[in-house]
Amino acid sequence: MPNPTAKAFEPGLYLPNGSPMSPKLLDGATLPSFIESSLAGIEDYARREPWTFASYVFGVGFILGWKLKPW
């Protein structure tokens, strides 16, 4: 006899607790608008703090280049 409280999973993405993932984020924004606002914030920070931003980018590039060597 099937369990009446068990729900059938439909195709799609699910969170670890079993609830379906929504394309909307917590504040109701969609993923493309979240990415656009994040990139705008990064660009604003890069304009305000160019040396700090360049140092972070160099550091991330150095670590990635070191860990992902092609040879």
N, C-alpha and C. Protein backbone atom coordinates (compact mmCIF):
# COMPACT_ATOMS: atom_id res chain seq x y z
N MET A 1 0.85 -1.18 0.00
CA MET A 1 0.00 0.00 0.00
C MET A 1 0.89 1.24 0.00
N PRO A 2 0.68 2.17 -0.93
CA PRO A 2 1.52 3.38 -0.98
C PRO A 2 1.27 4.29 0.21
N ASN A 3 2.31 5.01 0.56
CA ASN A 3 2.25 5.95 1.68
C ASN A 3 1.49 7.20 1.22
N PRO A 4 0.36 7.57 1.84
CA PRO A 4 -0.41 8.74 1.38
C PRO A 4 0.28 10.06 1.69
N THR A 5 1.22 10.08 2.64
CA THR A 5 1.89 11.34 2.96
C THR A 5 3.12 11.58 2.08
N ALA A 6 3.58 10.55 1.40
CA ALA A 6 4.75 10.71 0.54
C ALA A 6 4.33 11.40 -0.75
N LYS A 7 5.09 12.38 -1.16
CA LYS A 7 4.76 13.06 -2.40
C LYS A 7 5.70 12.58 -3.50
N ALA A 8 5.17 12.48 -4.67
CA ALA A 8 5.97 12.05 -5.82
C ALA A 8 6.85 13.20 -6.26
N PHE A 9 8.11 12.90 -6.55
CA PHE A 9 9.03 13.93 -7.01
C PHE A 9 8.86 14.14 -8.50
N GLU A 10 8.69 15.39 -8.87
CA GLU A 10 8.61 15.74 -10.27
C GLU A 10 10.02 16.06 -10.76
N PRO A 11 10.27 15.95 -12.06
CA PRO A 11 11.60 16.29 -12.57
C PRO A 11 11.93 17.75 -12.23
N GLY A 12 13.15 18.00 -11.87
CA GLY A 12 13.58 19.35 -11.55
C GLY A 12 14.64 19.32 -10.47
N LEU A 13 14.98 20.50 -9.97
CA LEU A 13 15.98 20.62 -8.93
C LEU A 13 15.31 20.68 -7.57
N TYR A 14 15.93 20.00 -6.60
CA TYR A 14 15.38 19.97 -5.25
C TYR A 14 16.45 20.35 -4.24
N LEU A 15 16.02 20.98 -3.17
CA LEU A 15 16.90 21.32 -2.06
C LEU A 15 17.17 20.06 -1.25
N PRO A 16 18.22 20.08 -0.39
CA PRO A 16 18.52 18.89 0.41
C PRO A 16 17.37 18.43 1.30
N ASN A 17 16.47 19.32 1.71
CA ASN A 17 15.35 18.91 2.55
C ASN A 17 14.20 18.34 1.74
N GLY A 18 14.34 18.27 0.40
CA GLY A 18 13.32 17.67 -0.44
C GLY A 18 12.35 18.64 -1.06
N SER A 19 12.42 19.93 -0.68
CA SER A 19 11.51 20.89 -1.27
C SER A 19 12.04 21.33 -2.63
N PRO A 20 11.14 21.60 -3.58
CA PRO A 20 11.61 21.99 -4.91
C PRO A 20 12.28 23.36 -4.90
N MET A 21 13.31 23.50 -5.72
CA MET A 21 14.00 24.79 -5.84
C MET A 21 13.18 25.72 -6.70
N SER A 22 13.16 26.96 -6.34
CA SER A 22 12.46 27.97 -7.10
C SER A 22 13.49 28.82 -7.85
N PRO A 23 13.15 29.28 -9.06
CA PRO A 23 14.10 30.15 -9.75
C PRO A 23 14.20 31.53 -9.11
N LYS A 24 13.34 31.83 -8.14
CA LYS A 24 13.39 33.12 -7.47
C LYS A 24 14.27 33.02 -6.23
N LEU A 25 14.95 34.10 -5.94
CA LEU A 25 15.81 34.15 -4.76
C LEU A 25 15.00 34.64 -3.57
N LEU A 26 15.63 34.81 -2.44
CA LEU A 26 14.92 35.14 -1.20
C LEU A 26 14.13 36.44 -1.29
N ASP A 27 14.67 37.46 -1.93
CA ASP A 27 13.97 38.74 -1.98
C ASP A 27 13.03 38.84 -3.18
N GLY A 28 12.79 37.74 -3.88
CA GLY A 28 11.89 37.75 -5.01
C GLY A 28 12.58 38.03 -6.33
N ALA A 29 13.88 38.30 -6.31
CA ALA A 29 14.61 38.58 -7.54
C ALA A 29 14.90 37.28 -8.27
N THR A 30 14.99 37.35 -9.57
CA THR A 30 15.34 36.18 -10.35
C THR A 30 16.85 36.10 -10.49
N LEU A 31 17.34 34.97 -10.94
CA LEU A 31 18.78 34.76 -11.04
C LEU A 31 19.45 35.77 -11.98
N PRO A 32 18.91 36.05 -13.18
CA PRO A 32 19.58 37.05 -14.03
C PRO A 32 19.67 38.43 -13.39
N SER A 33 18.62 38.86 -12.68
CA SER A 33 18.69 40.17 -12.04
C SER A 33 19.67 40.15 -10.87
N PHE A 34 19.78 39.00 -10.18
CA PHE A 34 20.76 38.87 -9.10
C PHE A 34 22.18 38.96 -9.65
N ILE A 35 22.43 38.30 -10.77
CA ILE A 35 23.77 38.35 -11.38
C ILE A 35 24.09 39.76 -11.85
N GLU A 36 23.12 40.43 -12.47
CA GLU A 36 23.35 41.81 -12.92
C GLU A 36 23.65 42.74 -11.76
N SER A 37 22.90 42.62 -10.67
CA SER A 37 23.15 43.50 -9.53
C SER A 37 24.48 43.17 -8.86
N SER A 38 24.85 41.88 -8.83
CA SER A 38 26.15 41.50 -8.26
C SER A 38 27.29 42.06 -9.09
N LEU A 39 27.18 41.94 -10.41
CA LEU A 39 28.24 42.48 -11.27
C LEU A 39 28.31 44.00 -11.18
N ALA A 40 27.16 44.66 -11.03
CA ALA A 40 27.17 46.11 -10.86
C ALA A 40 27.87 46.50 -9.56
N GLY A 41 27.64 45.72 -8.49
CA GLY A 41 28.32 45.99 -7.23
C GLY A 41 29.81 45.77 -7.31
N ILE A 42 30.22 44.71 -8.02
CA ILE A 42 31.65 44.44 -8.20
C ILE A 42 32.29 45.55 -9.02
N GLU A 43 31.60 45.99 -10.06
CA GLU A 43 32.13 47.08 -10.89
C GLU A 43 32.25 48.37 -10.09
N ASP A 44 31.26 48.65 -9.26
CA ASP A 44 31.30 49.85 -8.42
C ASP A 44 32.47 49.78 -7.45
N TYR A 45 32.68 48.61 -6.83
CA TYR A 45 33.82 48.45 -5.91
C TYR A 45 35.14 48.61 -6.65
N ALA A 46 35.22 48.08 -7.87
CA ALA A 46 36.46 48.20 -8.65
C ALA A 46 36.75 49.65 -9.00
N ARG A 47 35.71 50.44 -9.22
CA ARG A 47 35.92 51.88 -9.52
C ARG A 47 36.34 52.65 -8.27
N ARG A 48 35.77 52.26 -7.11
CA ARG A 48 36.11 52.97 -5.87
C ARG A 48 37.47 52.57 -5.32
N GLU A 49 37.83 51.29 -5.43
CA GLU A 49 39.07 50.75 -4.86
C GLU A 49 39.85 49.97 -5.93
N PRO A 50 40.44 50.67 -6.91
CA PRO A 50 41.09 49.94 -8.01
C PRO A 50 42.29 49.11 -7.59
N TRP A 51 43.11 49.60 -6.67
CA TRP A 51 44.30 48.84 -6.27
C TRP A 51 43.94 47.60 -5.47
N THR A 52 42.97 47.74 -4.59
CA THR A 52 42.52 46.59 -3.81
C THR A 52 41.88 45.54 -4.71
N PHE A 53 41.03 45.99 -5.63
CA PHE A 53 40.38 45.06 -6.55
C PHE A 53 41.42 44.36 -7.43
N ALA A 54 42.40 45.12 -7.92
CA ALA A 54 43.45 44.51 -8.75
C ALA A 54 44.26 43.49 -7.95
N SER A 55 44.49 43.77 -6.68
CA SER A 55 45.22 42.81 -5.83
C SER A 55 44.43 41.52 -5.65
N TYR A 56 43.12 41.64 -5.42
CA TYR A 56 42.29 40.45 -5.30
C TYR A 56 42.29 39.65 -6.60
N VAL A 57 42.12 40.32 -7.72
CA VAL A 57 42.09 39.63 -9.01
C VAL A 57 43.43 38.95 -9.28
N PHE A 58 44.53 39.64 -8.98
CA PHE A 58 45.84 39.04 -9.16
C PHE A 58 46.01 37.82 -8.27
N GLY A 59 45.59 37.93 -7.01
CA GLY A 59 45.71 36.82 -6.07
C GLY A 59 44.89 35.61 -6.49
N VAL A 60 43.67 35.84 -6.92
CA VAL A 60 42.83 34.74 -7.38
C VAL A 60 43.43 34.12 -8.63
N GLY A 61 43.91 34.94 -9.56
CA GLY A 61 44.54 34.42 -10.77
C GLY A 61 45.79 33.63 -10.46
N PHE A 62 46.57 34.11 -9.51
CA PHE A 62 47.79 33.40 -9.13
C PHE A 62 47.47 32.03 -8.55
N ILE A 63 46.51 31.98 -7.63
CA ILE A 63 46.14 30.72 -7.00
C ILE A 63 45.56 29.76 -8.04
N LEU A 64 44.66 30.24 -8.89
CA LEU A 64 44.08 29.37 -9.91
C LEU A 64 45.14 28.89 -10.89
N GLY A 65 46.04 29.78 -11.30
CA GLY A 65 47.10 29.39 -12.21
C GLY A 65 48.05 28.38 -11.58
N TRP A 66 48.28 28.53 -10.30
CA TRP A 66 49.17 27.61 -9.60
C TRP A 66 48.52 26.24 -9.44
N LYS A 67 47.25 26.21 -9.08
CA LYS A 67 46.55 24.95 -8.84
C LYS A 67 46.13 24.25 -10.13
N LEU A 68 45.87 24.99 -11.19
CA LEU A 68 45.36 24.41 -12.43
C LEU A 68 46.42 24.45 -13.54
N LYS A 69 47.65 24.16 -13.18
CA LYS A 69 48.73 24.16 -14.16
C LYS A 69 48.42 23.22 -15.31
N PRO A 70 48.68 23.63 -16.54
CA PRO A 70 48.41 22.72 -17.66
C PRO A 70 49.44 21.62 -17.81
N TRP A 71 50.56 21.66 -17.11
CA TRP A 71 51.57 20.60 -17.28
C TRP A 71 51.59 19.67 -16.09
